[in-house]
Amino acid sequence: MRRPGFPARVVAIGADRDADGLALGEEFGIPSFVVPYGAFATREEWGDELIVQLHQWDADLVVLSGLMRLLPPRVVAAFTPNLLNTHPAYLPEFPGAHAVRDALAAGATETGASVIVVDDGVDSGPIVAQRRVPVLPDDTEDSLAARVLAEEHRIYPQALRWLCEDRVTVGADGRVVIRGLREARGALLSPAPDA
């Protein structure tokens, strides 16, 4: 599946369990695969099968969404820097599985959405794009999560476009540089432009 004007196409949709994305892929005729985590004795064996599946589809870019477990180091090494994930917080604030809940519990006045290059840590990879989201006085976990998700949906395609256009460079120090940064509109980026 290719969206007109977008510099990439979806070659397959994979999951570690039954997921909505698999049905969506079927609707659009996109092949899918499932590598159930529980079917393997170790996380490393599971990761090895992920690598096999992703190479079978000749994937140049791996886009994570809703994967709630750490990838084994071999998977990260096989695909980084072309391995992206989104996170419902303005990282490095509130990493982990309960970011929205944690932001509310901390009394934060704002949180956000981040797109990162995956590394071996928990939501600790280089940040490609971010947007701030205010925490409203009457926010619940659901209401804040919905607004954060809307921002994730705005910045993720932009980050993917930059990566596909070979505009993203991750330096040895972990800083992300995006060529043509001034052309981007509507996203807060990390690192912030120097000028």
C-alpha atoms as a PDB file:
ATOM      1  CA  MET A   1       0.000   0.000   0.000  1.00  0.00           C
ATOM      2  CA  ARG A   2       1.361   3.415  -0.901  1.00  0.00           C
ATOM      3  CA  ARG A   3      -0.180   6.776  -0.137  1.00  0.00           C
ATOM      4  CA  PRO A   4       0.204   9.133  -3.104  1.00  0.00           C
ATOM      5  CA  GLY A   5       3.080  11.518  -2.505  1.00  0.00           C
ATOM      6  CA  PHE A   6       4.487   9.577   0.449  1.00  0.00           C
ATOM      7  CA  PRO A   7       8.040   8.278  -0.059  1.00  0.00           C
ATOM      8  CA  ALA A   8       7.383   4.780   1.322  1.00  0.00           C
ATOM      9  CA  ARG A   9       4.958   1.918   1.043  1.00  0.00           C
ATOM     10  CA  VAL A  10       3.744  -0.625   3.569  1.00  0.00           C
ATOM     11  CA  VAL A  11       5.064  -4.066   2.618  1.00  0.00           C
ATOM     12  CA  ALA A  12       3.713  -6.004   5.618  1.00  0.00           C
ATOM     13  CA  ILE A  13       2.114  -5.596   9.019  1.00  0.00           C
ATOM     14  CA  GLY A  14       3.455  -7.654  11.891  1.00  0.00           C
ATOM     15  CA  ALA A  15       2.340  -8.156  15.458  1.00  0.00           C
ATOM     16  CA  ASP A  16       3.160 -10.135  18.565  1.00  0.00           C
ATOM     17  CA  ARG A  17      -0.532 -10.908  19.147  1.00  0.00           C
ATOM     18  CA  ASP A  18      -3.902 -10.349  17.494  1.00  0.00           C
ATOM     19  CA  ALA A  19      -4.116  -6.616  16.798  1.00  0.00           C
ATOM     20  CA  ASP A  20      -6.388  -4.151  14.987  1.00  0.00           C
ATOM     21  CA  GLY A  21      -3.629  -3.362  12.494  1.00  0.00           C
ATOM     22  CA  LEU A  22      -3.770  -6.907  11.135  1.00  0.00           C
ATOM     23  CA  ALA A  23      -7.435  -6.526  10.160  1.00  0.00           C
ATOM     24  CA  LEU A  24      -6.722  -3.118   8.654  1.00  0.00           C
ATOM     25  CA  GLY A  25      -3.922  -4.632   6.613  1.00  0.00           C
ATOM     26  CA  GLU A  26      -6.241  -7.365   5.380  1.00  0.00           C
ATOM     27  CA  GLU A  27      -8.771  -4.724   4.338  1.00  0.00           C
ATOM     28  CA  PHE A  28      -6.119  -3.039   2.173  1.00  0.00           C
ATOM     29  CA  GLY A  29      -4.562  -6.259   0.887  1.00  0.00           C
ATOM     30  CA  ILE A  30      -1.358  -5.862   2.900  1.00  0.00           C
ATOM     31  CA  PRO A  31       0.295  -9.125   3.944  1.00  0.00           C
ATOM     32  CA  SER A  32       0.631  -9.716   7.661  1.00  0.00           C
ATOM     33  CA  PHE A  33       2.437 -11.957  10.099  1.00  0.00           C
ATOM     34  CA  VAL A  34       2.221 -12.713  13.808  1.00  0.00           C
ATOM     35  CA  VAL A  35       5.189 -13.720  15.941  1.00  0.00           C
ATOM     36  CA  PRO A  36       3.595 -14.557  19.317  1.00  0.00           C
ATOM     37  CA  TYR A  37       5.946 -13.749  22.175  1.00  0.00           C
ATOM     38  CA  GLY A  38       4.707 -16.686  24.249  1.00  0.00           C
ATOM     39  CA  ALA A  39       5.569 -19.208  21.536  1.00  0.00           C
ATOM     40  CA  PHE A  40       9.302 -18.835  22.220  1.00  0.00           C
ATOM     41  CA  ALA A  41      11.400 -19.962  25.166  1.00  0.00           C
ATOM     42  CA  THR A  42      13.353 -16.706  25.321  1.00  0.00           C
ATOM     43  CA  ARG A  43      13.022 -13.096  24.278  1.00  0.00           C
ATOM     44  CA  GLU A  44      16.086 -13.574  22.071  1.00  0.00           C
ATOM     45  CA  GLU A  45      14.474 -16.476  20.165  1.00  0.00           C
ATOM     46  CA  TRP A  46      11.368 -14.354  19.656  1.00  0.00           C
ATOM     47  CA  GLY A  47      13.566 -11.537  18.366  1.00  0.00           C
ATOM     48  CA  ASP A  48      15.402 -13.839  15.990  1.00  0.00           C
ATOM     49  CA  GLU A  49      12.075 -14.833  14.422  1.00  0.00           C
ATOM     50  CA  LEU A  50      11.101 -11.154  14.123  1.00  0.00           C
ATOM     51  CA  ILE A  51      14.313 -10.543  12.198  1.00  0.00           C
ATOM     52  CA  VAL A  52      13.574 -13.485   9.893  1.00  0.00           C
ATOM     53  CA  GLN A  53      10.059 -12.203   9.210  1.00  0.00           C
ATOM     54  CA  LEU A  54      11.149  -8.613   8.613  1.00  0.00           C
ATOM     55  CA  HIS A  55      13.937  -9.678   6.267  1.00  0.00           C
ATOM     56  CA  GLN A  56      11.485 -11.930   4.405  1.00  0.00           C
ATOM     57  CA  TRP A  57       9.480  -8.812   3.532  1.00  0.00           C
ATOM     58  CA  ASP A  58      12.660  -6.882   2.690  1.00  0.00           C
ATOM     59  CA  ALA A  59      11.674  -4.173   5.160  1.00  0.00           C
ATOM     60  CA  ASP A  60      13.899  -1.095   5.008  1.00  0.00           C
ATOM     61  CA  LEU A  61      12.065   0.671   7.801  1.00  0.00           C
ATOM     62  CA  VAL A  62      10.341  -0.780  10.850  1.00  0.00           C
ATOM     63  CA  VAL A  63       7.585   1.327  12.381  1.00  0.00           C
ATOM     64  CA  LEU A  64       6.383   0.271  15.824  1.00  0.00           C
ATOM     65  CA  SER A  65       2.954   1.046  17.203  1.00  0.00           C
ATOM     66  CA  GLY A  66       1.510  -0.502  20.333  1.00  0.00           C
ATOM     67  CA  LEU A  67       4.349  -2.941  20.986  1.00  0.00           C
ATOM     68  CA  MET A  68       4.484  -3.022  24.774  1.00  0.00           C
ATOM     69  CA  ARG A  69       7.746  -4.905  25.246  1.00  0.00           C
ATOM     70  CA  LEU A  70      11.432  -4.270  24.732  1.00  0.00           C
ATOM     71  CA  LEU A  71      12.925  -5.557  21.531  1.00  0.00           C
ATOM     72  CA  PRO A  72      15.957  -7.805  21.972  1.00  0.00           C
ATOM     73  CA  PRO A  73      19.290  -6.101  21.240  1.00  0.00           C
ATOM     74  CA  ARG A  74      19.783  -8.136  18.030  1.00  0.00           C
ATOM     75  CA  VAL A  75      16.554  -6.729  16.572  1.00  0.00           C
ATOM     76  CA  VAL A  76      17.547  -3.194  17.507  1.00  0.00           C
ATOM     77  CA  ALA A  77      21.015  -3.672  15.998  1.00  0.00           C
ATOM     78  CA  ALA A  78      19.565  -5.164  12.800  1.00  0.00           C
ATOM     79  CA  PHE A  79      17.321  -2.194  12.004  1.00  0.00           C
ATOM     80  CA  THR A  80      18.433   0.947  13.853  1.00  0.00           C
ATOM     81  CA  PRO A  81      18.420   3.771  12.817  1.00  0.00           C
ATOM     82  CA  ASN A  82      15.486   2.704  10.620  1.00  0.00           C
ATOM     83  CA  LEU A  83      13.507   1.516  13.633  1.00  0.00           C
ATOM     84  CA  LEU A  84      11.029   4.066  14.962  1.00  0.00           C
ATOM     85  CA  ASN A  85       8.545   4.118  17.797  1.00  0.00           C
ATOM     86  CA  THR A  86       6.109   6.633  19.155  1.00  0.00           C
ATOM     87  CA  HIS A  87       5.565   7.380  22.836  1.00  0.00           C
ATOM     88  CA  PRO A  88       2.728   9.255  24.585  1.00  0.00           C
ATOM     89  CA  ALA A  89       4.916  11.720  26.495  1.00  0.00           C
ATOM     90  CA  TYR A  90       7.384  14.511  25.860  1.00  0.00           C
ATOM     91  CA  LEU A  91      10.476  12.400  26.420  1.00  0.00           C
ATOM     92  CA  PRO A  92      12.609  12.116  28.440  1.00  0.00           C
ATOM     93  CA  GLU A  93       9.683  12.876  30.748  1.00  0.00           C
ATOM     94  CA  PHE A  94       7.469   9.902  31.659  1.00  0.00           C
ATOM     95  CA  PRO A  95       9.051   6.924  29.896  1.00  0.00           C
ATOM     96  CA  GLY A  96       7.442   3.523  30.243  1.00  0.00           C
ATOM     97  CA  ALA A  97       4.083   1.873  29.794  1.00  0.00           C
ATOM     98  CA  HIS A  98       1.949   4.316  31.811  1.00  0.00           C
ATOM     99  CA  ALA A  99       3.158   7.685  30.550  1.00  0.00           C
ATOM    100  CA  VAL A 100      -0.213   9.457  30.504  1.00  0.00           C
ATOM    101  CA  ARG A 101      -1.165   8.153  33.952  1.00  0.00           C
ATOM    102  CA  ASP A 102       2.274   9.128  35.257  1.00  0.00           C
ATOM    103  CA  ALA A 103       1.943  12.671  33.883  1.00  0.00           C
ATOM    104  CA  LEU A 104      -1.411  13.112  35.623  1.00  0.00           C
ATOM    105  CA  ALA A 105      -0.120  11.625  38.891  1.00  0.00           C
ATOM    106  CA  ALA A 106       2.873  13.979  38.821  1.00  0.00           C
ATOM    107  CA  GLY A 107       0.608  17.003  38.434  1.00  0.00           C
ATOM    108  CA  ALA A 108       2.270  17.940  35.144  1.00  0.00           C
ATOM    109  CA  THR A 109       0.804  20.944  33.366  1.00  0.00           C
ATOM    110  CA  GLU A 110       1.864  19.569  30.011  1.00  0.00           C
ATOM    111  CA  THR A 111       3.049  16.354  28.461  1.00  0.00           C
ATOM    112  CA  GLY A 112       3.316  15.459  24.803  1.00  0.00           C
ATOM    113  CA  ALA A 113       4.068  12.980  22.075  1.00  0.00           C
ATOM    114  CA  SER A 114       7.461  11.805  20.864  1.00  0.00           C
ATOM    115  CA  VAL A 115       8.851   9.833  17.945  1.00  0.00           C
ATOM    116  CA  ILE A 116      12.152   8.133  18.697  1.00  0.00           C
ATOM    117  CA  VAL A 117      14.739   5.948  17.048  1.00  0.00           C
ATOM    118  CA  VAL A 118      14.556   2.738  19.067  1.00  0.00           C
ATOM    119  CA  ASP A 119      17.561   1.797  21.176  1.00  0.00           C
ATOM    120  CA  ASP A 120      18.071  -0.900  23.809  1.00  0.00           C
ATOM    121  CA  GLY A 121      16.509   1.145  26.622  1.00  0.00           C
ATOM    122  CA  VAL A 122      12.966   1.996  27.639  1.00  0.00           C
ATOM    123  CA  ASP A 123      11.853   4.984  25.546  1.00  0.00           C
ATOM    124  CA  SER A 124      15.414   6.302  25.646  1.00  0.00           C
ATOM    125  CA  GLY A 125      16.358   6.481  21.963  1.00  0.00           C
ATOM    126  CA  PRO A 126      17.233   9.613  20.015  1.00  0.00           C
ATOM    127  CA  ILE A 127      14.227  11.910  19.599  1.00  0.00           C
ATOM    128  CA  VAL A 128      13.196  12.663  16.019  1.00  0.00           C
ATOM    129  CA  ALA A 129      10.050  14.737  16.616  1.00  0.00           C
ATOM    130  CA  GLN A 130       7.903  15.926  19.507  1.00  0.00           C
ATOM    131  CA  ARG A 131       4.827  17.982  20.247  1.00  0.00           C
ATOM    132  CA  ARG A 132       3.695  19.395  23.562  1.00  0.00           C
ATOM    133  CA  VAL A 133       0.160  18.737  24.808  1.00  0.00           C
ATOM    134  CA  PRO A 134      -1.311  20.751  27.697  1.00  0.00           C
ATOM    135  CA  VAL A 135      -2.791  18.890  30.641  1.00  0.00           C
ATOM    136  CA  LEU A 136      -6.199  20.432  31.309  1.00  0.00           C
ATOM    137  CA  PRO A 137      -7.576  20.789  34.858  1.00  0.00           C
ATOM    138  CA  ASP A 138     -10.428  18.341  34.196  1.00  0.00           C
ATOM    139  CA  ASP A 139      -8.371  15.810  32.224  1.00  0.00           C
ATOM    140  CA  THR A 140      -8.840  12.126  32.839  1.00  0.00           C
ATOM    141  CA  GLU A 141      -6.389   9.509  31.662  1.00  0.00           C
ATOM    142  CA  ASP A 142      -8.683   8.811  28.695  1.00  0.00           C
ATOM    143  CA  SER A 143      -9.190  12.440  27.661  1.00  0.00           C
ATOM    144  CA  LEU A 144      -5.492  13.278  27.871  1.00  0.00           C
ATOM    145  CA  ALA A 145      -4.509  10.043  26.114  1.00  0.00           C
ATOM    146  CA  ALA A 146      -6.872  10.882  23.238  1.00  0.00           C
ATOM    147  CA  ARG A 147      -5.303  14.328  22.731  1.00  0.00           C
ATOM    148  CA  VAL A 148      -1.780  12.923  22.968  1.00  0.00           C
ATOM    149  CA  LEU A 149      -2.658  10.196  20.440  1.00  0.00           C
ATOM    150  CA  ALA A 150      -3.933  12.840  18.015  1.00  0.00           C
ATOM    151  CA  GLU A 151      -0.521  14.548  18.215  1.00  0.00           C
ATOM    152  CA  GLU A 152       1.280  11.222  17.767  1.00  0.00           C
ATOM    153  CA  HIS A 153      -0.728  10.778  14.569  1.00  0.00           C
ATOM    154  CA  ARG A 154       0.464  14.206  13.383  1.00  0.00           C
ATOM    155  CA  ILE A 155       4.171  13.833  14.088  1.00  0.00           C
ATOM    156  CA  TYR A 156       4.709  10.149  13.259  1.00  0.00           C
ATOM    157  CA  PRO A 157       4.043  10.516   9.503  1.00  0.00           C
ATOM    158  CA  GLN A 158       6.299  13.583   9.422  1.00  0.00           C
ATOM    159  CA  ALA A 159       9.133  11.720  11.138  1.00  0.00           C
ATOM    160  CA  LEU A 160       8.656   8.781   8.773  1.00  0.00           C
ATOM    161  CA  ARG A 161       8.786  11.102   5.778  1.00  0.00           C
ATOM    162  CA  TRP A 162      12.045  12.655   7.008  1.00  0.00           C
ATOM    163  CA  LEU A 163      13.578   9.227   7.522  1.00  0.00           C
ATOM    164  CA  CYS A 164      12.436   7.973   4.099  1.00  0.00           C
ATOM    165  CA  GLU A 165      13.815  11.097   2.452  1.00  0.00           C
ATOM    166  CA  ASP A 166      17.175  10.404   4.113  1.00  0.00           C
ATOM    167  CA  ARG A 167      16.987  13.640   6.066  1.00  0.00           C
ATOM    168  CA  VAL A 168      17.511  12.126   9.535  1.00  0.00           C
ATOM    169  CA  THR A 169      21.016  11.633  10.888  1.00  0.00           C
ATOM    170  CA  VAL A 170      21.788  10.332  14.357  1.00  0.00           C
ATOM    171  CA  GLY A 171      25.174  11.535  15.532  1.00  0.00           C
ATOM    172  CA  ALA A 172      27.588   9.542  17.672  1.00  0.00           C
ATOM    173  CA  ASP A 173      26.383  11.627  20.621  1.00  0.00           C
ATOM    174  CA  GLY A 174      22.770  10.535  20.017  1.00  0.00           C
ATOM    175  CA  ARG A 175      21.657  13.924  18.736  1.00  0.00           C
ATOM    176  CA  VAL A 176      19.267  13.877  15.816  1.00  0.00           C
ATOM    177  CA  VAL A 177      19.891  16.266  12.953  1.00  0.00           C
ATOM    178  CA  ILE A 178      17.215  16.775  10.320  1.00  0.00           C
ATOM    179  CA  ARG A 179      18.297  18.328   7.042  1.00  0.00           C
ATOM    180  CA  GLY A 180      16.032  21.151   5.918  1.00  0.00           C
ATOM    181  CA  LEU A 181      14.654  21.651   9.409  1.00  0.00           C
ATOM    182  CA  ARG A 182      13.356  25.101   8.551  1.00  0.00           C
ATOM    183  CA  GLU A 183      10.973  23.496   6.030  1.00  0.00           C
ATOM    184  CA  ALA A 184       9.115  21.637   8.779  1.00  0.00           C
ATOM    185  CA  ARG A 185       5.995  23.300  10.136  1.00  0.00           C
ATOM    186  CA  GLY A 186       3.727  22.340  12.971  1.00  0.00           C
ATOM    187  CA  ALA A 187       6.092  20.076  14.883  1.00  0.00           C
ATOM    188  CA  LEU A 188       8.377  20.787  17.774  1.00  0.00           C
ATOM    189  CA  LEU A 189      11.628  19.038  17.170  1.00  0.00           C
ATOM    190  CA  SER A 190      14.474  17.771  19.243  1.00  0.00           C
ATOM    191  CA  PRO A 191      17.035  19.064  19.211  1.00  0.00           C
ATOM    192  CA  ALA A 192      15.603  22.535  18.827  1.00  0.00           C
ATOM    193  CA  PRO A 193      16.991  24.517  15.896  1.00  0.00           C
ATOM    194  CA  ASP A 194      20.080  26.491  16.888  1.00  0.00           C
ATOM    195  CA  ALA A 195      19.057  29.585  14.956  1.00  0.00           C
END
